[in-house]
Amino acid sequence: MMARKQSKNPAQNILAVCSLSALLFLSAILFAHAVDNINAFPPAEEGMVRHVLQLPKQDDESAFMVELLVGKTVQVDEVNRYFFSGKIDKETIKGWGFSCYNVSTLGPMAGTRMAIDPNTPKVNRFITIDGDPYLIPYNSRLPTVVYAPEGIEVHYRLWSSEPKARVIEKG
């Protein structure tokens, strides 16, 4: 086993201890700041629920996106495609500049009307708002906060890219 070489210069030892102390102090402040960031987001209004997602840190967060999925789990058949009307609005918290997302209502459910055997049992499926995927940047430094009416579920899906871009052939 290799012994650690001790510095004979007390000033170097003091500098090392001070540097380590400062690093630990800054880490504690950053952690406390991340926890306090949720305080920037007001509590949900009556009839609404505040959904909070704290993402883990990634080495390259620019390679990730978060898809927000808002909907309900309902009993429907397995064949038809169902969806709700509604939309997700991005808002900025006044005085903080942080983004949050608001779903004011979830409209009526609609779907295709393919004929199926009437004896086919219903299944539980998560039915979402119709439209393009709602993608937001990945950010582990701030919580992702979504306000939605009671009874509405908020799910998420992570998207990632490959580190290397591929060439599209001409032709």
Protein backbone atom coordinates (compact mmCIF):
# COMPACT_ATOMS: atom_id res chain seq x y z
CA MET A 1 0.00 0.00 0.00
CA MET A 2 1.27 3.41 -0.93
CA ALA A 3 1.48 5.98 1.85
CA ARG A 4 0.17 9.42 1.11
CA LYS A 5 2.92 11.98 0.97
CA GLN A 6 2.37 14.60 3.64
CA SER A 7 3.15 18.16 2.79
CA LYS A 8 5.77 19.74 4.97
CA ASN A 9 4.34 23.15 4.21
CA PRO A 10 1.48 23.97 6.65
CA ALA A 11 0.18 26.67 4.29
CA GLN A 12 -0.49 24.02 1.62
CA ASN A 13 -2.39 21.88 4.15
CA ILE A 14 -4.50 24.85 5.22
CA LEU A 15 -5.18 25.75 1.57
CA ALA A 16 -6.29 22.18 0.82
CA VAL A 17 -8.61 22.07 3.84
CA CYS A 18 -10.07 25.48 2.98
CA SER A 19 -10.61 24.46 -0.65
CA LEU A 20 -12.36 21.25 0.37
CA SER A 21 -14.51 23.14 2.91
CA ALA A 22 -15.50 25.72 0.30
CA LEU A 23 -16.40 22.98 -2.18
CA LEU A 24 -18.58 21.18 0.38
CA PHE A 25 -20.23 24.48 1.37
CA LEU A 26 -21.04 25.35 -2.26
CA SER A 27 -22.42 21.83 -2.86
CA ALA A 28 -24.69 22.21 0.16
CA ILE A 29 -25.91 25.61 -1.06
CA LEU A 30 -26.66 24.26 -4.55
CA PHE A 31 -28.57 21.30 -3.09
CA ALA A 32 -30.57 23.57 -0.79
CA HIS A 33 -31.22 25.93 -3.72
CA ALA A 34 -32.61 23.02 -5.80
CA VAL A 35 -34.91 22.04 -2.94
CA ASP A 36 -36.00 25.67 -2.47
CA ASN A 37 -36.76 26.04 -6.18
CA ILE A 38 -40.08 24.24 -5.64
CA ASN A 39 -41.07 27.16 -3.40
CA ALA A 40 -41.03 29.38 -6.48
CA PHE A 41 -43.99 27.44 -7.83
CA PRO A 42 -47.25 28.44 -6.15
CA PRO A 43 -49.50 25.77 -4.67
CA ALA A 44 -52.26 24.50 -6.92
CA GLU A 45 -55.51 26.42 -6.98
CA GLU A 46 -58.70 24.75 -5.81
CA GLY A 47 -59.69 21.90 -8.11
CA MET A 48 -56.14 21.65 -9.48
CA VAL A 49 -53.15 19.46 -8.57
CA ARG A 50 -49.47 20.42 -8.80
CA HIS A 51 -47.43 17.59 -10.34
CA VAL A 52 -43.65 17.84 -9.75
CA LEU A 53 -40.94 15.98 -11.67
CA GLN A 54 -37.31 16.27 -10.48
CA LEU A 55 -35.04 14.77 -13.13
CA PRO A 56 -31.65 13.21 -12.34
CA LYS A 57 -28.50 14.96 -13.61
CA GLN A 58 -27.18 13.76 -16.98
CA ASP A 59 -23.68 14.27 -18.37
CA ASP A 60 -25.06 15.88 -21.55
CA GLU A 61 -28.58 17.13 -20.88
CA SER A 62 -28.81 18.64 -24.37
CA ALA A 63 -29.07 15.07 -25.71
CA PHE A 64 -32.37 14.53 -23.87
CA MET A 65 -35.94 15.81 -24.11
CA VAL A 66 -38.94 15.21 -21.86
CA GLU A 67 -42.35 14.43 -23.36
CA LEU A 68 -45.29 15.43 -21.17
CA LEU A 69 -48.34 13.16 -21.49
CA VAL A 70 -51.59 14.35 -19.95
CA GLY A 71 -54.71 12.22 -19.82
CA LYS A 72 -56.73 9.66 -17.90
CA THR A 73 -56.81 5.90 -17.48
CA VAL A 74 -60.20 4.73 -18.73
CA GLN A 75 -61.85 1.45 -19.69
CA VAL A 76 -62.08 1.16 -23.47
CA ASP A 77 -61.68 -1.48 -26.15
CA GLU A 78 -58.21 -2.47 -27.38
CA VAL A 79 -58.89 -1.78 -31.06
CA ASN A 80 -59.97 1.84 -31.46
CA ARG A 81 -57.76 4.88 -31.08
CA TYR A 82 -58.98 7.27 -28.39
CA PHE A 83 -57.91 10.77 -27.37
CA PHE A 84 -58.99 13.79 -25.34
CA SER A 85 -59.20 17.36 -26.52
CA GLY A 86 -57.14 19.82 -24.54
CA LYS A 87 -53.77 21.48 -24.52
CA ILE A 88 -50.74 22.15 -22.36
CA ASP A 89 -49.88 25.83 -21.91
CA LYS A 90 -46.40 26.98 -20.95
CA GLU A 91 -46.36 29.81 -18.41
CA THR A 92 -43.61 31.77 -16.65
CA ILE A 93 -43.61 32.20 -12.88
CA LYS A 94 -43.60 35.95 -12.29
CA GLY A 95 -40.55 37.19 -10.40
CA TRP A 96 -38.61 33.96 -10.95
CA GLY A 97 -38.54 33.38 -14.71
CA PHE A 98 -39.10 29.63 -14.26
CA SER A 99 -41.39 27.79 -16.65
CA CYS A 100 -44.35 25.71 -15.58
CA TYR A 101 -47.06 23.97 -17.57
CA ASN A 102 -50.81 24.31 -17.14
CA VAL A 103 -53.64 22.10 -18.33
CA SER A 104 -56.85 24.04 -17.72
CA THR A 105 -59.33 21.41 -18.91
CA LEU A 106 -59.42 17.99 -20.45
CA GLY A 107 -62.14 17.95 -23.09
CA PRO A 108 -64.43 15.11 -24.02
CA MET A 109 -62.90 11.82 -25.15
CA ALA A 110 -63.25 10.97 -28.83
CA GLY A 111 -62.01 8.12 -30.94
CA THR A 112 -62.27 6.01 -34.03
CA ARG A 113 -65.37 3.88 -34.44
CA MET A 114 -64.10 0.59 -35.82
CA ALA A 115 -66.59 -2.21 -35.35
CA ILE A 116 -65.55 -4.80 -32.78
CA ASP A 117 -67.20 -7.81 -31.21
CA PRO A 118 -69.59 -6.42 -28.56
CA ASN A 119 -68.50 -9.22 -26.21
CA THR A 120 -64.87 -8.05 -26.27
CA PRO A 121 -63.90 -7.12 -22.71
CA LYS A 122 -62.86 -3.54 -21.96
CA VAL A 123 -59.28 -2.81 -20.84
CA ASN A 124 -57.70 0.02 -18.87
CA ARG A 125 -55.72 2.33 -21.16
CA PHE A 126 -54.03 5.66 -20.55
CA ILE A 127 -55.70 8.02 -23.03
CA THR A 128 -53.87 11.28 -23.72
CA ILE A 129 -54.50 14.69 -25.22
CA ASP A 130 -54.51 14.48 -29.01
CA GLY A 131 -51.87 16.14 -31.14
CA ASP A 132 -48.13 16.28 -31.56
CA PRO A 133 -45.90 15.16 -28.67
CA TYR A 134 -45.33 17.97 -26.14
CA LEU A 135 -41.53 18.01 -25.80
CA ILE A 136 -39.63 20.21 -23.37
CA PRO A 137 -35.88 20.52 -22.73
CA TYR A 138 -34.35 18.21 -20.13
CA ASN A 139 -33.34 20.21 -17.06
CA SER A 140 -32.19 18.57 -13.82
CA ARG A 141 -31.49 21.93 -12.15
CA LEU A 142 -35.17 22.89 -11.85
CA PRO A 143 -38.26 20.81 -11.21
CA THR A 144 -40.72 20.32 -14.05
CA VAL A 145 -44.07 21.47 -12.66
CA VAL A 146 -47.43 20.75 -14.29
CA TYR A 147 -50.74 22.04 -12.95
CA ALA A 148 -53.72 19.89 -13.98
CA PRO A 149 -57.32 19.43 -12.85
CA GLU A 150 -57.99 16.84 -10.13
CA GLY A 151 -58.48 13.39 -11.61
CA ILE A 152 -56.10 14.05 -14.50
CA GLU A 153 -52.86 12.05 -14.71
CA VAL A 154 -49.54 13.48 -15.84
CA HIS A 155 -46.97 11.03 -17.21
CA TYR A 156 -43.63 11.64 -18.89
CA ARG A 157 -41.36 9.91 -21.36
CA LEU A 158 -37.65 10.58 -21.88
CA TRP A 159 -36.27 10.97 -25.40
CA SER A 160 -32.57 10.77 -26.14
CA SER A 161 -30.41 11.19 -29.18
CA GLU A 162 -27.41 9.24 -30.32
CA PRO A 163 -24.11 11.07 -29.86
CA LYS A 164 -23.21 10.68 -33.54
CA ALA A 165 -25.27 12.14 -36.38
CA ARG A 166 -25.81 9.97 -39.44
CA VAL A 167 -25.56 11.01 -43.07
CA ILE A 168 -28.66 10.86 -45.27
CA GLU A 169 -27.79 9.50 -48.70
CA LYS A 170 -28.57 11.54 -51.81
CA GLY A 171 -30.97 10.19 -54.30
